[in-house]
Amino acid sequence: MSLEIQEVVVSMSDIEILKLLSVTLTREKQDTLEDELQKYGTATNWTIKQILKQRLSTPTKTVEILEDVFIEKFDKRIQYLEDIVKTARVEISNHQKMAQTVRSMRDKTPFFKPGKLILSQPIIKLNERAVTLSRLDGSVLAVPFDKRSRNRLVEKLEDILRNEKPGVINRKYGRIRITWNKEGFADVDVRAKLSKGP
């Protein structure tokens, strides 16, 4: 009997995905980002296996059951675990949908391909020029936007960041996905809730 993961459908009418490119990152930043991507991929695949093995059917239960081992193996921040659980559940759901039509996937365990990370505030933050990723050791990795993509979305970025208060979660944007390109830069996708026009 397969474990069913139910998806929550959210109205996309006021949600927009802002697509930005980073500048070419320095070698040091590339190495740091690659470390973070590898950790995220390993943690997500471990979580997928635990969800299926332990038949964990809700995000809350998954976090509760996996928290102690996850903290020891990967990261002590509960928000990081919550983001990993969201990604793992989406991967399982997508795999189950594909397995309905692609016979060869039916007996395989879902697998999250490393190379991207999807995180929420306060671990990742947006400003007009970059996204900043807070690392477990307390350091921060800034991924600056290239000028062209930033200029193309400057009004939307200003709208999202208007009236933002330090230390308060900005509800105008949700999870941010960073996808690594081997050429030395990254795609940055921001899930934004933009103000409605007049």
C-alpha atoms as a PDB file:
ATOM      1  CA  MET A   1       0.000   0.000   0.000  1.00  0.00           C
ATOM      2  CA  SER A   2       1.514   3.342  -1.017  1.00  0.00           C
ATOM      3  CA  LEU A   3       1.676   6.384   1.209  1.00  0.00           C
ATOM      4  CA  GLU A   4      -0.487   9.176  -0.190  1.00  0.00           C
ATOM      5  CA  ILE A   5       0.759  12.732   0.159  1.00  0.00           C
ATOM      6  CA  GLN A   6      -2.015  15.273  -0.199  1.00  0.00           C
ATOM      7  CA  GLU A   7      -1.225  18.626  -1.765  1.00  0.00           C
ATOM      8  CA  VAL A   8      -2.780  21.868  -0.600  1.00  0.00           C
ATOM      9  CA  VAL A   9      -3.882  23.935  -3.583  1.00  0.00           C
ATOM     10  CA  VAL A  10      -3.321  27.666  -3.149  1.00  0.00           C
ATOM     11  CA  SER A  11      -4.896  30.295  -5.364  1.00  0.00           C
ATOM     12  CA  MET A  12      -2.198  31.594  -7.681  1.00  0.00           C
ATOM     13  CA  SER A  13      -4.137  34.706  -8.749  1.00  0.00           C
ATOM     14  CA  ASP A  14      -2.115  37.092  -6.585  1.00  0.00           C
ATOM     15  CA  ILE A  15       1.120  35.059  -6.543  1.00  0.00           C
ATOM     16  CA  GLU A  16       3.869  35.701  -9.042  1.00  0.00           C
ATOM     17  CA  ILE A  17       7.242  34.027  -9.433  1.00  0.00           C
ATOM     18  CA  LEU A  18       9.924  36.677  -9.948  1.00  0.00           C
ATOM     19  CA  LYS A  19      12.784  35.242 -11.992  1.00  0.00           C
ATOM     20  CA  LEU A  20      16.209  36.813 -11.473  1.00  0.00           C
ATOM     21  CA  LEU A  21      19.774  35.891 -12.379  1.00  0.00           C
ATOM     22  CA  SER A  22      22.781  36.347 -10.133  1.00  0.00           C
ATOM     23  CA  VAL A  23      26.026  37.921 -11.163  1.00  0.00           C
ATOM     24  CA  THR A  24      28.860  35.472 -11.818  1.00  0.00           C
ATOM     25  CA  LEU A  25      29.904  34.444  -8.319  1.00  0.00           C
ATOM     26  CA  THR A  26      33.474  34.451  -7.057  1.00  0.00           C
ATOM     27  CA  ARG A  27      35.141  31.040  -6.681  1.00  0.00           C
ATOM     28  CA  GLU A  28      34.787  31.294  -2.884  1.00  0.00           C
ATOM     29  CA  LYS A  29      31.047  32.020  -3.144  1.00  0.00           C
ATOM     30  CA  GLN A  30      30.615  29.230  -5.684  1.00  0.00           C
ATOM     31  CA  ASP A  31      32.274  26.767  -3.284  1.00  0.00           C
ATOM     32  CA  THR A  32      30.103  27.949  -0.381  1.00  0.00           C
ATOM     33  CA  LEU A  33      26.920  27.720  -2.458  1.00  0.00           C
ATOM     34  CA  GLU A  34      27.855  24.260  -3.722  1.00  0.00           C
ATOM     35  CA  ASP A  35      28.360  23.115  -0.092  1.00  0.00           C
ATOM     36  CA  GLU A  36      24.895  24.436   0.798  1.00  0.00           C
ATOM     37  CA  LEU A  37      23.303  22.790  -2.256  1.00  0.00           C
ATOM     38  CA  GLN A  38      24.931  19.443  -1.439  1.00  0.00           C
ATOM     39  CA  LYS A  39      23.760  19.598   2.190  1.00  0.00           C
ATOM     40  CA  TYR A  40      20.217  20.538   1.107  1.00  0.00           C
ATOM     41  CA  GLY A  41      20.064  17.677  -1.416  1.00  0.00           C
ATOM     42  CA  THR A  42      21.378  15.098   1.057  1.00  0.00           C
ATOM     43  CA  ALA A  43      18.988  16.285   3.788  1.00  0.00           C
ATOM     44  CA  THR A  44      16.006  16.248   1.402  1.00  0.00           C
ATOM     45  CA  ASN A  45      16.705  12.712   0.161  1.00  0.00           C
ATOM     46  CA  TRP A  46      17.197  11.453   3.720  1.00  0.00           C
ATOM     47  CA  THR A  47      13.861  13.083   4.679  1.00  0.00           C
ATOM     48  CA  ILE A  48      12.062  11.522   1.675  1.00  0.00           C
ATOM     49  CA  LYS A  49      13.249   8.083   2.784  1.00  0.00           C
ATOM     50  CA  GLN A  50      12.129   8.689   6.383  1.00  0.00           C
ATOM     51  CA  ILE A  51       8.667   9.947   5.327  1.00  0.00           C
ATOM     52  CA  LEU A  52       8.108   6.814   3.235  1.00  0.00           C
ATOM     53  CA  LYS A  53       9.694   4.372   5.703  1.00  0.00           C
ATOM     54  CA  GLN A  54       7.866   5.730   8.763  1.00  0.00           C
ATOM     55  CA  ARG A  55       4.657   6.547   6.833  1.00  0.00           C
ATOM     56  CA  LEU A  56       4.612  10.157   8.037  1.00  0.00           C
ATOM     57  CA  SER A  57       1.485  11.705   6.558  1.00  0.00           C
ATOM     58  CA  THR A  58       1.553  15.318   7.823  1.00  0.00           C
ATOM     59  CA  PRO A  59       4.271  18.001   7.834  1.00  0.00           C
ATOM     60  CA  THR A  60       3.807  18.629  11.571  1.00  0.00           C
ATOM     61  CA  LYS A  61       4.186  14.948  12.461  1.00  0.00           C
ATOM     62  CA  THR A  62       7.202  14.644  10.141  1.00  0.00           C
ATOM     63  CA  VAL A  63       9.000  17.568  11.828  1.00  0.00           C
ATOM     64  CA  GLU A  64       8.138  16.216  15.277  1.00  0.00           C
ATOM     65  CA  ILE A  65       9.391  12.670  14.564  1.00  0.00           C
ATOM     66  CA  LEU A  66      12.526  13.618  12.592  1.00  0.00           C
ATOM     67  CA  GLU A  67      13.675  16.698  14.539  1.00  0.00           C
ATOM     68  CA  ASP A  68      16.213  15.107  16.943  1.00  0.00           C
ATOM     69  CA  VAL A  69      18.025  13.001  14.336  1.00  0.00           C
ATOM     70  CA  PHE A  70      17.854  15.797  11.739  1.00  0.00           C
ATOM     71  CA  ILE A  71      19.461  18.290  14.146  1.00  0.00           C
ATOM     72  CA  GLU A  72      22.275  15.842  14.797  1.00  0.00           C
ATOM     73  CA  LYS A  73      22.834  14.956  11.112  1.00  0.00           C
ATOM     74  CA  PHE A  74      22.181  18.205   9.224  1.00  0.00           C
ATOM     75  CA  ASP A  75      21.089  21.479  10.840  1.00  0.00           C
ATOM     76  CA  LYS A  76      19.805  22.636  14.223  1.00  0.00           C
ATOM     77  CA  ARG A  77      17.423  25.283  12.823  1.00  0.00           C
ATOM     78  CA  ILE A  78      13.788  24.143  12.936  1.00  0.00           C
ATOM     79  CA  GLN A  79      12.918  26.409   9.975  1.00  0.00           C
ATOM     80  CA  TYR A  80      15.522  24.578   7.870  1.00  0.00           C
ATOM     81  CA  LEU A  81      13.884  21.236   8.711  1.00  0.00           C
ATOM     82  CA  GLU A  82      10.428  22.659   7.899  1.00  0.00           C
ATOM     83  CA  ASP A  83      11.684  23.843   4.480  1.00  0.00           C
ATOM     84  CA  ILE A  84      13.278  20.439   3.797  1.00  0.00           C
ATOM     85  CA  VAL A  85      10.038  18.662   4.743  1.00  0.00           C
ATOM     86  CA  LYS A  86       8.053  20.865   2.298  1.00  0.00           C
ATOM     87  CA  THR A  87      10.489  20.074  -0.493  1.00  0.00           C
ATOM     88  CA  ALA A  88      10.510  16.347   0.312  1.00  0.00           C
ATOM     89  CA  ARG A  89       6.709  16.151   0.324  1.00  0.00           C
ATOM     90  CA  VAL A  90       6.471  17.971  -3.029  1.00  0.00           C
ATOM     91  CA  GLU A  91       9.059  15.574  -4.494  1.00  0.00           C
ATOM     92  CA  ILE A  92       7.077  12.547  -3.241  1.00  0.00           C
ATOM     93  CA  SER A  93       3.826  13.962  -4.613  1.00  0.00           C
ATOM     94  CA  ASN A  94       5.379  14.712  -8.022  1.00  0.00           C
ATOM     95  CA  HIS A  95       6.895  11.223  -8.139  1.00  0.00           C
ATOM     96  CA  GLN A  96       3.514   9.630  -7.342  1.00  0.00           C
ATOM     97  CA  LYS A  97       1.830  11.594 -10.142  1.00  0.00           C
ATOM     98  CA  MET A  98       4.533  10.609 -12.635  1.00  0.00           C
ATOM     99  CA  ALA A  99       4.395   6.971 -11.536  1.00  0.00           C
ATOM    100  CA  GLN A 100       0.742   6.815 -12.596  1.00  0.00           C
ATOM    101  CA  THR A 101       1.816   7.241 -16.227  1.00  0.00           C
ATOM    102  CA  VAL A 102       5.471   6.133 -16.251  1.00  0.00           C
ATOM    103  CA  ARG A 103       5.568   2.450 -15.308  1.00  0.00           C
ATOM    104  CA  SER A 104       9.345   2.341 -14.677  1.00  0.00           C
ATOM    105  CA  MET A 105       8.991   4.876 -11.810  1.00  0.00           C
ATOM    106  CA  ARG A 106       6.533   2.802  -9.797  1.00  0.00           C
ATOM    107  CA  ASP A 107       9.062   0.754  -7.853  1.00  0.00           C
ATOM    108  CA  LYS A 108      11.596   3.540  -7.415  1.00  0.00           C
ATOM    109  CA  THR A 109      12.094   5.805  -4.421  1.00  0.00           C
ATOM    110  CA  PRO A 110      11.556   9.515  -5.184  1.00  0.00           C
ATOM    111  CA  PHE A 111      14.867  11.345  -5.537  1.00  0.00           C
ATOM    112  CA  PHE A 112      15.584  15.060  -5.159  1.00  0.00           C
ATOM    113  CA  LYS A 113      18.303  16.009  -7.622  1.00  0.00           C
ATOM    114  CA  PRO A 114      20.873  18.257  -5.892  1.00  0.00           C
ATOM    115  CA  GLY A 115      21.522  21.605  -7.532  1.00  0.00           C
ATOM    116  CA  LYS A 116      18.799  23.757  -6.049  1.00  0.00           C
ATOM    117  CA  LEU A 117      17.621  24.842  -2.650  1.00  0.00           C
ATOM    118  CA  ILE A 118      14.265  26.251  -1.621  1.00  0.00           C
ATOM    119  CA  LEU A 119      14.233  28.143   1.668  1.00  0.00           C
ATOM    120  CA  SER A 120      12.091  30.563   3.665  1.00  0.00           C
ATOM    121  CA  GLN A 121      12.673  33.586   5.853  1.00  0.00           C
ATOM    122  CA  PRO A 122      14.567  34.121   8.140  1.00  0.00           C
ATOM    123  CA  ILE A 123      17.121  31.679   6.657  1.00  0.00           C
ATOM    124  CA  ILE A 124      17.003  33.428   3.286  1.00  0.00           C
ATOM    125  CA  LYS A 125      16.170  37.099   2.812  1.00  0.00           C
ATOM    126  CA  LEU A 126      15.497  39.369  -0.124  1.00  0.00           C
ATOM    127  CA  ASN A 127      16.643  42.929  -0.688  1.00  0.00           C
ATOM    128  CA  GLU A 128      16.770  45.160  -3.793  1.00  0.00           C
ATOM    129  CA  ARG A 129      20.207  43.899  -4.818  1.00  0.00           C
ATOM    130  CA  ALA A 130      20.546  40.299  -3.617  1.00  0.00           C
ATOM    131  CA  VAL A 131      19.267  37.351  -1.653  1.00  0.00           C
ATOM    132  CA  THR A 132      21.217  36.556   1.495  1.00  0.00           C
ATOM    133  CA  LEU A 133      21.470  33.040   2.854  1.00  0.00           C
ATOM    134  CA  SER A 134      22.186  32.616   6.574  1.00  0.00           C
ATOM    135  CA  ARG A 135      24.372  29.585   7.186  1.00  0.00           C
ATOM    136  CA  LEU A 136      24.438  27.294  10.215  1.00  0.00           C
ATOM    137  CA  ASP A 137      27.816  28.684  11.357  1.00  0.00           C
ATOM    138  CA  GLY A 138      26.361  32.224  11.511  1.00  0.00           C
ATOM    139  CA  SER A 139      28.016  33.432   8.302  1.00  0.00           C
ATOM    140  CA  VAL A 140      25.969  34.944   5.479  1.00  0.00           C
ATOM    141  CA  LEU A 141      26.228  34.217   1.762  1.00  0.00           C
ATOM    142  CA  ALA A 142      25.019  37.086  -0.450  1.00  0.00           C
ATOM    143  CA  VAL A 143      23.951  36.172  -3.977  1.00  0.00           C
ATOM    144  CA  PRO A 144      23.739  39.524  -5.841  1.00  0.00           C
ATOM    145  CA  PHE A 145      21.383  39.957  -8.804  1.00  0.00           C
ATOM    146  CA  ASP A 146      22.765  40.892 -12.182  1.00  0.00           C
ATOM    147  CA  LYS A 147      21.933  44.450 -13.223  1.00  0.00           C
ATOM    148  CA  ARG A 148      19.705  43.546 -16.151  1.00  0.00           C
ATOM    149  CA  SER A 149      17.341  41.200 -14.307  1.00  0.00           C
ATOM    150  CA  ARG A 150      17.281  43.495 -11.260  1.00  0.00           C
ATOM    151  CA  ASN A 151      16.376  46.535 -13.392  1.00  0.00           C
ATOM    152  CA  ARG A 152      13.648  44.566 -15.177  1.00  0.00           C
ATOM    153  CA  LEU A 153      11.959  43.804 -11.823  1.00  0.00           C
ATOM    154  CA  VAL A 154      12.918  46.895  -9.819  1.00  0.00           C
ATOM    155  CA  GLU A 155       9.317  48.112  -9.332  1.00  0.00           C
ATOM    156  CA  LYS A 156       8.133  44.710  -8.149  1.00  0.00           C
ATOM    157  CA  LEU A 157      11.096  44.367  -5.780  1.00  0.00           C
ATOM    158  CA  GLU A 158      10.364  47.821  -4.359  1.00  0.00           C
ATOM    159  CA  ASP A 159       6.706  46.855  -3.901  1.00  0.00           C
ATOM    160  CA  ILE A 160       7.658  43.687  -2.012  1.00  0.00           C
ATOM    161  CA  LEU A 161      10.175  45.457   0.224  1.00  0.00           C
ATOM    162  CA  ARG A 162       8.130  48.617   0.924  1.00  0.00           C
ATOM    163  CA  ASN A 163       7.437  49.090   4.675  1.00  0.00           C
ATOM    164  CA  GLU A 164       9.581  46.067   5.603  1.00  0.00           C
ATOM    165  CA  LYS A 165      10.570  46.114   9.278  1.00  0.00           C
ATOM    166  CA  PRO A 166      13.817  44.600  10.628  1.00  0.00           C
ATOM    167  CA  GLY A 167      13.265  41.327  12.501  1.00  0.00           C
ATOM    168  CA  VAL A 168       9.719  40.880  11.148  1.00  0.00           C
ATOM    169  CA  ILE A 169       8.842  38.274   8.495  1.00  0.00           C
ATOM    170  CA  ASN A 170       7.865  40.007   5.243  1.00  0.00           C
ATOM    171  CA  ARG A 171       4.593  38.361   4.168  1.00  0.00           C
ATOM    172  CA  LYS A 172       4.921  39.755   0.621  1.00  0.00           C
ATOM    173  CA  TYR A 173       7.284  36.965  -0.381  1.00  0.00           C
ATOM    174  CA  GLY A 174       7.475  33.284   0.419  1.00  0.00           C
ATOM    175  CA  ARG A 175      10.023  30.625  -0.370  1.00  0.00           C
ATOM    176  CA  ILE A 176      13.011  31.493  -2.538  1.00  0.00           C
ATOM    177  CA  ARG A 177      14.585  28.950  -4.890  1.00  0.00           C
ATOM    178  CA  ILE A 178      18.236  29.165  -5.896  1.00  0.00           C
ATOM    179  CA  THR A 179      19.184  26.925  -8.830  1.00  0.00           C
ATOM    180  CA  TRP A 180      22.880  26.519  -9.548  1.00  0.00           C
ATOM    181  CA  ASN A 181      24.217  26.870 -13.091  1.00  0.00           C
ATOM    182  CA  LYS A 182      27.646  25.380 -13.657  1.00  0.00           C
ATOM    183  CA  GLU A 183      28.685  28.512 -15.583  1.00  0.00           C
ATOM    184  CA  GLY A 184      29.248  30.297 -12.257  1.00  0.00           C
ATOM    185  CA  PHE A 185      25.917  31.984 -11.650  1.00  0.00           C
ATOM    186  CA  ALA A 186      22.528  31.057 -10.194  1.00  0.00           C
ATOM    187  CA  ASP A 187      18.854  31.461 -11.098  1.00  0.00           C
ATOM    188  CA  VAL A 188      16.883  33.009  -8.243  1.00  0.00           C
ATOM    189  CA  ASP A 189      13.100  32.552  -8.166  1.00  0.00           C
ATOM    190  CA  VAL A 190      11.100  34.516  -5.595  1.00  0.00           C
ATOM    191  CA  ARG A 191       7.514  33.550  -4.805  1.00  0.00           C
ATOM    192  CA  ALA A 192       5.956  36.983  -4.398  1.00  0.00           C
ATOM    193  CA  LYS A 193       2.569  38.279  -3.339  1.00  0.00           C
ATOM    194  CA  LEU A 194       2.318  41.604  -5.129  1.00  0.00           C
ATOM    195  CA  SER A 195       0.008  44.512  -4.315  1.00  0.00           C
ATOM    196  CA  LYS A 196      -3.050  44.662  -6.505  1.00  0.00           C
ATOM    197  CA  GLY A 197      -3.181  47.565  -8.969  1.00  0.00           C
ATOM    198  CA  PRO A 198      -5.939  50.218  -8.884  1.00  0.00           C
END
